[in-house]
Amino acid sequence: MGQPVSVIEKPTGRAGVLRFETNRSLTGMGHERYRAGTAVEGNRPPDVLARRLFERGGVETVHIYGGVITIELAEPDESGLKEIIEDLYTYYRPGVEPTITPSAE
């Protein structure tokens, strides 16, 4: 369950730099920059996304502005990045039991 994020990969002029555009704003009007090896604090959507991208490995920097995510790769493997972004708001994954709260009657 949750809401999949629609993601389109756009070309860039630099090798090793990827740009993705989403159907929703993740930062409002602010810029968020993250660098590998630096702790990502907070639980806002851009923070969670940056952590997930770094956990995948092979990512040097992440810049998020509104609905645009720019990723600089440390390694030439871009597999799985788009899927990480698309799954940002997917809360229940296969094998995960959802929490059911009993209703008050």
N, C-alpha and C. Protein backbone atom coordinates (compact mmCIF):
# COMPACT_ATOMS: atom_id res chain seq x y z
N MET A 1 0.83 -1.17 0.00
CA MET A 1 0.00 0.00 0.00
C MET A 1 0.88 1.24 0.00
N GLY A 2 0.28 2.34 -0.18
CA GLY A 2 1.02 3.58 -0.29
C GLY A 2 0.80 4.16 -1.66
N GLN A 3 1.55 5.17 -1.98
CA GLN A 3 1.40 5.84 -3.25
C GLN A 3 2.69 5.75 -4.04
N PRO A 4 2.69 5.02 -5.15
CA PRO A 4 3.90 4.99 -5.97
C PRO A 4 4.19 6.38 -6.53
N VAL A 5 5.45 6.70 -6.63
CA VAL A 5 5.87 7.97 -7.19
C VAL A 5 6.17 7.73 -8.67
N SER A 6 5.62 8.56 -9.54
CA SER A 6 5.90 8.47 -10.97
C SER A 6 7.25 9.13 -11.22
N VAL A 7 8.16 8.40 -11.87
CA VAL A 7 9.53 8.88 -12.06
C VAL A 7 9.91 8.78 -13.53
N ILE A 8 10.49 9.85 -14.05
CA ILE A 8 11.00 9.88 -15.42
C ILE A 8 12.48 10.24 -15.35
N GLU A 9 13.31 9.41 -15.98
CA GLU A 9 14.75 9.74 -16.04
C GLU A 9 14.98 10.68 -17.21
N LYS A 10 15.71 11.77 -16.94
CA LYS A 10 16.02 12.76 -17.97
C LYS A 10 17.52 12.75 -18.25
N PRO A 11 17.91 13.00 -19.48
CA PRO A 11 19.35 12.99 -19.81
C PRO A 11 20.07 14.19 -19.20
N THR A 12 21.35 13.99 -18.91
CA THR A 12 22.22 15.08 -18.46
C THR A 12 23.41 15.16 -19.40
N GLY A 13 24.16 16.22 -19.30
CA GLY A 13 25.33 16.39 -20.15
C GLY A 13 26.62 15.84 -19.55
N ARG A 14 26.52 15.24 -18.37
CA ARG A 14 27.73 14.74 -17.70
C ARG A 14 27.61 13.24 -17.45
N ALA A 15 28.66 12.54 -17.78
CA ALA A 15 28.71 11.10 -17.50
C ALA A 15 28.72 10.89 -15.99
N GLY A 16 27.97 9.90 -15.53
CA GLY A 16 27.93 9.59 -14.11
C GLY A 16 26.98 10.45 -13.31
N VAL A 17 26.23 11.32 -13.98
CA VAL A 17 25.24 12.16 -13.30
C VAL A 17 23.87 11.82 -13.88
N LEU A 18 22.94 11.48 -12.99
CA LEU A 18 21.59 11.10 -13.40
C LEU A 18 20.60 12.12 -12.87
N ARG A 19 19.53 12.35 -13.63
CA ARG A 19 18.49 13.27 -13.18
C ARG A 19 17.14 12.58 -13.33
N PHE A 20 16.37 12.63 -12.25
CA PHE A 20 15.04 12.04 -12.25
C PHE A 20 14.03 13.12 -11.90
N GLU A 21 12.88 13.11 -12.59
CA GLU A 21 11.80 14.03 -12.28
C GLU A 21 10.62 13.22 -11.78
N THR A 22 9.99 13.70 -10.69
CA THR A 22 8.88 12.99 -10.07
C THR A 22 7.59 13.79 -10.22
N ASN A 23 6.48 13.13 -9.92
CA ASN A 23 5.17 13.78 -10.03
C ASN A 23 4.77 14.47 -8.72
N ARG A 24 5.69 14.66 -7.82
CA ARG A 24 5.39 15.38 -6.58
C ARG A 24 6.63 16.09 -6.06
N SER A 25 6.41 17.14 -5.33
CA SER A 25 7.52 17.89 -4.74
C SER A 25 7.95 17.20 -3.45
N LEU A 26 9.24 17.01 -3.30
CA LEU A 26 9.78 16.38 -2.10
C LEU A 26 10.34 17.41 -1.13
N THR A 27 10.71 18.60 -1.63
CA THR A 27 11.36 19.59 -0.77
C THR A 27 10.64 20.93 -0.73
N GLY A 28 9.55 21.10 -1.44
CA GLY A 28 8.97 22.43 -1.54
C GLY A 28 9.90 23.29 -2.39
N MET A 29 10.22 24.48 -1.92
CA MET A 29 11.09 25.38 -2.68
C MET A 29 12.55 25.33 -2.21
N GLY A 30 12.87 24.42 -1.32
CA GLY A 30 14.23 24.34 -0.80
C GLY A 30 15.10 23.34 -1.54
N HIS A 31 16.40 23.59 -1.51
CA HIS A 31 17.39 22.66 -2.05
C HIS A 31 17.90 21.80 -0.91
N GLU A 32 18.06 20.51 -1.16
CA GLU A 32 18.65 19.60 -0.18
C GLU A 32 19.82 18.89 -0.83
N ARG A 33 20.97 18.95 -0.19
CA ARG A 33 22.18 18.32 -0.72
C ARG A 33 22.71 17.32 0.30
N TYR A 34 23.10 16.16 -0.19
CA TYR A 34 23.61 15.10 0.67
C TYR A 34 24.87 14.52 0.03
N ARG A 35 25.83 14.15 0.86
CA ARG A 35 27.10 13.59 0.37
C ARG A 35 27.35 12.27 1.07
N ALA A 36 27.85 11.30 0.32
CA ALA A 36 28.18 9.99 0.89
C ALA A 36 29.18 10.17 2.03
N GLY A 37 29.01 9.40 3.09
CA GLY A 37 29.91 9.47 4.23
C GLY A 37 29.48 10.47 5.28
N THR A 38 28.46 11.27 4.98
CA THR A 38 27.92 12.24 5.93
C THR A 38 26.57 11.73 6.40
N ALA A 39 26.35 11.73 7.71
CA ALA A 39 25.09 11.24 8.26
C ALA A 39 23.92 12.07 7.73
N VAL A 40 22.85 11.38 7.35
CA VAL A 40 21.63 12.05 6.90
C VAL A 40 20.67 12.07 8.07
N GLU A 41 20.44 13.25 8.62
CA GLU A 41 19.55 13.41 9.77
C GLU A 41 18.14 13.69 9.29
N GLY A 42 17.17 13.45 10.12
CA GLY A 42 15.78 13.80 9.82
C GLY A 42 15.00 12.67 9.19
N ASN A 43 13.68 12.86 9.14
CA ASN A 43 12.79 11.86 8.58
C ASN A 43 11.85 12.43 7.53
N ARG A 44 12.21 13.59 6.97
CA ARG A 44 11.43 14.15 5.88
C ARG A 44 11.65 13.29 4.63
N PRO A 45 10.73 13.35 3.66
CA PRO A 45 10.90 12.54 2.45
C PRO A 45 12.28 12.67 1.78
N PRO A 46 12.85 13.88 1.62
CA PRO A 46 14.17 13.91 0.98
C PRO A 46 15.26 13.23 1.81
N ASP A 47 15.15 13.30 3.14
CA ASP A 47 16.12 12.64 4.01
C ASP A 47 16.03 11.12 3.86
N VAL A 48 14.81 10.61 3.89
CA VAL A 48 14.59 9.16 3.76
C VAL A 48 15.09 8.68 2.40
N LEU A 49 14.77 9.42 1.35
CA LEU A 49 15.21 9.03 0.01
C LEU A 49 16.73 9.03 -0.09
N ALA A 50 17.39 10.06 0.42
CA ALA A 50 18.85 10.11 0.36
C ALA A 50 19.46 8.92 1.11
N ARG A 51 18.93 8.62 2.29
CA ARG A 51 19.45 7.46 3.04
C ARG A 51 19.31 6.18 2.24
N ARG A 52 18.15 5.98 1.63
CA ARG A 52 17.94 4.75 0.84
C ARG A 52 18.88 4.68 -0.35
N LEU A 53 19.12 5.80 -1.01
CA LEU A 53 20.03 5.81 -2.15
C LEU A 53 21.46 5.49 -1.71
N PHE A 54 21.91 6.07 -0.59
CA PHE A 54 23.26 5.79 -0.10
C PHE A 54 23.38 4.35 0.39
N GLU A 55 22.33 3.80 1.00
CA GLU A 55 22.36 2.41 1.46
C GLU A 55 22.52 1.45 0.29
N ARG A 56 22.01 1.81 -0.87
CA ARG A 56 22.16 0.98 -2.07
C ARG A 56 23.63 0.87 -2.46
N GLY A 57 24.37 1.95 -2.23
CA GLY A 57 25.79 1.97 -2.57
C GLY A 57 26.02 2.54 -3.96
N GLY A 58 27.24 2.98 -4.20
CA GLY A 58 27.62 3.50 -5.50
C GLY A 58 27.18 4.91 -5.79
N VAL A 59 26.65 5.62 -4.77
CA VAL A 59 26.17 6.99 -4.94
C VAL A 59 27.09 7.94 -4.19
N GLU A 60 27.56 8.98 -4.87
CA GLU A 60 28.46 9.96 -4.27
C GLU A 60 27.70 11.14 -3.66
N THR A 61 26.79 11.74 -4.45
CA THR A 61 26.00 12.87 -3.95
C THR A 61 24.55 12.75 -4.41
N VAL A 62 23.66 13.37 -3.63
CA VAL A 62 22.24 13.45 -3.97
C VAL A 62 21.83 14.91 -3.77
N HIS A 63 21.19 15.47 -4.78
CA HIS A 63 20.64 16.82 -4.68
C HIS A 63 19.17 16.73 -5.04
N ILE A 64 18.31 17.28 -4.18
CA ILE A 64 16.87 17.24 -4.42
C ILE A 64 16.35 18.67 -4.35
N TYR A 65 15.63 19.05 -5.39
CA TYR A 65 14.98 20.36 -5.42
C TYR A 65 13.58 20.16 -5.97
N GLY A 66 12.58 20.38 -5.13
CA GLY A 66 11.20 20.15 -5.55
C GLY A 66 11.01 18.69 -5.90
N GLY A 67 10.69 18.42 -7.15
CA GLY A 67 10.49 17.05 -7.61
C GLY A 67 11.62 16.55 -8.49
N VAL A 68 12.77 17.22 -8.47
CA VAL A 68 13.91 16.81 -9.30
C VAL A 68 15.02 16.27 -8.40
N ILE A 69 15.48 15.07 -8.72
CA ILE A 69 16.54 14.41 -7.96
C ILE A 69 17.73 14.24 -8.88
N THR A 70 18.87 14.79 -8.49
CA THR A 70 20.10 14.65 -9.26
C THR A 70 21.06 13.80 -8.45
N ILE A 71 21.58 12.74 -9.07
CA ILE A 71 22.45 11.79 -8.38
C ILE A 71 23.77 11.72 -9.12
N GLU A 72 24.86 11.91 -8.37
CA GLU A 72 26.19 11.72 -8.93
C GLU A 72 26.69 10.36 -8.46
N LEU A 73 27.02 9.52 -9.41
CA LEU A 73 27.43 8.15 -9.09
C LEU A 73 28.91 8.07 -8.74
N ALA A 74 29.22 7.21 -7.79
CA ALA A 74 30.61 6.90 -7.47
C ALA A 74 31.08 5.73 -8.33
N GLU A 75 30.12 4.93 -8.80
CA GLU A 75 30.38 3.77 -9.65
C GLU A 75 29.43 3.85 -10.85
N PRO A 76 29.80 3.27 -11.99
CA PRO A 76 28.97 3.44 -13.19
C PRO A 76 27.72 2.56 -13.25
N ASP A 77 27.20 2.10 -12.11
CA ASP A 77 26.02 1.24 -12.09
C ASP A 77 24.82 2.04 -11.60
N GLU A 78 23.82 2.21 -12.48
CA GLU A 78 22.64 2.97 -12.10
C GLU A 78 21.43 2.08 -11.84
N SER A 79 21.63 0.78 -11.82
CA SER A 79 20.51 -0.15 -11.64
C SER A 79 19.85 0.03 -10.28
N GLY A 80 18.53 0.01 -10.29
CA GLY A 80 17.75 0.07 -9.07
C GLY A 80 17.47 1.46 -8.51
N LEU A 81 18.10 2.49 -9.03
CA LEU A 81 17.90 3.84 -8.48
C LEU A 81 16.47 4.34 -8.71
N LYS A 82 15.97 4.16 -9.93
CA LYS A 82 14.62 4.62 -10.25
C LYS A 82 13.60 3.92 -9.35
N GLU A 83 13.78 2.63 -9.12
CA GLU A 83 12.86 1.87 -8.29
C GLU A 83 12.87 2.35 -6.84
N ILE A 84 14.03 2.75 -6.32
CA ILE A 84 14.11 3.29 -4.96
C ILE A 84 13.28 4.56 -4.85
N ILE A 85 13.36 5.42 -5.86
CA ILE A 85 12.59 6.65 -5.86
C ILE A 85 11.10 6.34 -5.98
N GLU A 86 10.73 5.44 -6.87
CA GLU A 86 9.33 5.09 -7.06
C GLU A 86 8.70 4.52 -5.79
N ASP A 87 9.47 3.82 -4.99
CA ASP A 87 8.96 3.16 -3.78
C ASP A 87 9.02 4.03 -2.53
N LEU A 88 9.34 5.31 -2.67
CA LEU A 88 9.49 6.18 -1.51
C LEU A 88 8.27 6.17 -0.60
N TYR A 89 7.07 6.18 -1.17
CA TYR A 89 5.85 6.24 -0.37
C TYR A 89 5.13 4.89 -0.29
N THR A 90 5.81 3.80 -0.63
CA THR A 90 5.22 2.47 -0.51
C THR A 90 5.56 1.96 0.87
N TYR A 91 4.55 1.84 1.72
CA TYR A 91 4.79 1.51 3.12
C TYR A 91 4.76 0.03 3.41
N TYR A 92 3.93 -0.73 2.70
CA TYR A 92 3.82 -2.15 2.97
C TYR A 92 4.43 -2.92 1.82
N ARG A 93 5.46 -3.66 2.11
CA ARG A 93 6.18 -4.43 1.09
C ARG A 93 5.88 -5.91 1.28
N PRO A 94 6.12 -6.72 0.27
CA PRO A 94 5.87 -8.16 0.43
C PRO A 94 6.59 -8.72 1.66
N GLY A 95 5.86 -9.51 2.43
CA GLY A 95 6.44 -10.12 3.62
C GLY A 95 6.32 -9.27 4.87
N VAL A 96 5.84 -8.02 4.74
CA VAL A 96 5.69 -7.14 5.89
C VAL A 96 4.22 -7.13 6.28
N GLU A 97 3.93 -7.49 7.51
CA GLU A 97 2.55 -7.49 7.99
C GLU A 97 2.14 -6.08 8.39
N PRO A 98 1.02 -5.59 7.85
CA PRO A 98 0.56 -4.25 8.24
C PRO A 98 0.04 -4.27 9.68
N THR A 99 0.19 -3.16 10.34
CA THR A 99 -0.31 -3.01 11.69
C THR A 99 -1.81 -2.71 11.62
N ILE A 100 -2.59 -3.49 12.35
CA ILE A 100 -4.03 -3.29 12.35
C ILE A 100 -4.43 -2.83 13.75
N THR A 101 -5.01 -1.65 13.81
CA THR A 101 -5.45 -1.09 15.08
C THR A 101 -6.93 -1.43 15.26
N PRO A 102 -7.30 -2.05 16.38
CA PRO A 102 -8.72 -2.36 16.59
C PRO A 102 -9.54 -1.08 16.67
N SER A 103 -10.73 -1.11 16.08
CA SER A 103 -11.58 0.08 16.12
C SER A 103 -12.29 0.15 17.46
N ALA A 104 -12.53 1.37 17.90
CA ALA A 104 -13.24 1.60 19.16
C ALA A 104 -14.73 1.53 18.89
N GLU A 105 -15.42 0.71 19.63
CA GLU A 105 -16.87 0.58 19.43
C GLU A 105 -17.63 0.96 20.64
